[in-house]
Protein backbone atom coordinates (compact mmCIF):
# COMPACT_ATOMS: atom_id res chain seq x y z
CA MET A 1 133.93 49.09 39.80
CA ASN A 2 137.55 48.00 40.21
CA ASN A 3 140.54 50.26 40.79
CA GLU A 4 141.57 50.31 37.10
CA GLU A 5 138.08 51.36 36.00
CA GLU A 6 138.02 54.08 38.64
CA LYS A 7 141.35 55.46 37.39
CA LEU A 8 140.09 55.48 33.79
CA LYS A 9 136.87 57.20 34.81
CA LYS A 10 138.80 59.84 36.78
CA LYS A 11 141.07 60.50 33.79
CA ALA A 12 138.05 60.83 31.53
CA ASN A 13 136.40 63.26 33.95
CA ASP A 14 139.64 65.25 34.20
CA LEU A 15 139.78 65.40 30.40
CA VAL A 16 136.22 66.74 30.25
CA LEU A 17 137.01 69.38 32.87
CA ALA A 18 140.18 70.40 31.00
CA PHE A 19 138.22 70.58 27.74
CA GLU A 20 135.59 72.83 29.29
CA THR A 21 138.27 75.32 30.35
CA LEU A 22 139.81 75.65 26.86
CA ASP A 23 139.59 79.12 25.39
CA LEU A 24 138.57 77.54 22.08
CA TYR A 25 135.60 75.81 23.71
CA ASN A 26 134.53 78.96 25.54
CA ASP A 27 134.88 81.03 22.35
CA TYR A 28 132.72 78.45 20.57
CA LEU A 29 130.00 78.71 23.24
CA LEU A 30 130.08 82.50 23.11
CA LEU A 31 129.84 82.66 19.30
CA LYS A 32 127.12 79.99 19.24
CA LYS A 33 125.04 82.04 21.66
CA GLU A 34 125.65 85.23 19.67
CA VAL A 35 124.54 83.56 16.42
CA GLU A 36 121.47 82.07 18.11
CA THR A 37 120.43 85.38 19.66
CA ASP A 38 121.26 87.75 16.79
CA SER A 39 117.82 88.90 15.66
CA TYR A 40 118.97 89.84 12.16
CA LEU A 41 120.59 86.45 11.53
CA GLN A 42 117.65 84.58 13.02
CA GLY A 43 115.32 86.60 10.80
CA LEU A 44 117.32 85.63 7.72
CA LYS A 45 117.28 82.00 8.75
CA ARG A 46 113.56 82.05 9.54
CA ASP A 47 112.69 83.78 6.25
CA ARG A 48 114.83 81.32 4.27
CA ASP A 49 113.31 78.30 6.01
CA THR A 50 109.76 79.59 5.55
CA LEU A 51 110.39 80.28 1.89
CA GLN A 52 111.90 76.84 1.34
CA LYS A 53 108.87 75.17 2.95
CA LYS A 54 106.56 77.08 0.61
CA LEU A 55 108.51 76.25 -2.57
CA LYS A 56 106.41 73.21 -3.40
CA TYR A 57 103.32 75.41 -3.74
CA PHE A 58 104.82 77.84 -6.26
CA LYS A 59 104.40 77.59 -10.01
CA THR A 60 107.54 77.15 -12.13
CA GLU A 61 108.34 80.82 -12.70
CA GLU A 62 107.48 81.80 -9.13
CA LYS A 63 109.58 78.88 -7.90
CA LYS A 64 112.63 80.17 -9.78
CA ASP A 65 112.29 83.59 -8.19
CA ALA A 66 111.68 82.06 -4.76
CA LEU A 67 114.77 79.84 -5.14
CA LYS A 68 116.87 82.88 -6.01
CA LEU A 69 115.57 84.72 -2.97
CA ALA A 70 116.15 81.69 -0.73
CA GLN A 71 119.72 81.45 -2.04
CA LYS A 72 120.25 85.17 -1.45
CA LEU A 73 119.02 84.82 2.15
CA ASN A 74 121.22 81.77 2.64
CA ASP A 75 124.27 83.55 1.25
CA GLU A 76 123.65 86.60 3.40
CA TYR A 77 123.39 84.40 6.51
CA ASN A 78 126.46 82.31 5.69
CA ASN A 79 128.56 85.34 4.76
CA SER A 80 127.93 87.12 8.04
CA PRO A 81 131.27 87.59 9.86
CA LEU A 82 129.65 86.21 13.02
CA VAL A 83 128.55 83.01 11.26
CA ILE A 84 131.90 82.67 9.48
CA ASN A 85 133.77 82.94 12.79
CA TYR A 86 131.36 80.56 14.51
CA LEU A 87 131.72 77.91 11.80
CA ALA A 88 135.52 78.26 11.76
CA ILE A 89 135.79 77.78 15.53
CA LYS A 90 133.28 74.92 15.40
CA LYS A 91 135.39 73.18 12.74
CA GLU A 92 138.58 73.71 14.77
CA LEU A 93 136.89 72.36 17.90
CA GLU A 94 135.56 69.32 16.01
CA SER A 95 139.05 68.67 14.68
CA LEU A 96 140.45 68.79 18.20
CA LEU A 97 137.76 66.40 19.44
CA ASN A 98 138.42 64.02 16.55
CA SER A 99 142.05 63.83 17.58
CA PHE A 100 140.92 62.45 20.95
CA THR A 101 138.56 59.88 19.53
CA CYS A 102 139.01 56.92 17.28
CA SER A 103 136.59 54.40 15.90
CA ASP A 104 138.53 51.49 17.41
CA PHE A 105 138.09 52.69 20.97
C-alpha cells in the first residue's frame, strides 16, 4: 500500500471512529436495543407475523377478520412511541450517512 492509500485509509478509519461517537448513532443503538428487547412490542410483532403466515389457510370471511387483526397489531406496533422514535432516529441517521456517500465513488 502506498502513502496516498494509507492516508485515505486512515481518514476513513477516523471517519468511522467519529461516526461511532455521535450522539445520534448512540441514541439509535439504544433505541434499537429497547425495541428489540421490549417484550410487549416483540409480542405484537410475533403475533402479527404468525397471523400473516396463517392467512393462506383461512377461508374468505375468516381471512377478512384475520387481516383486520393483523392490521390492528401492525398499527399498534408502529404507533408505539418507542418505535416512532426509533424509526425517526434511524431515518435521520440514514440521511446523514447518505450525505457521506455517493454512487459515483
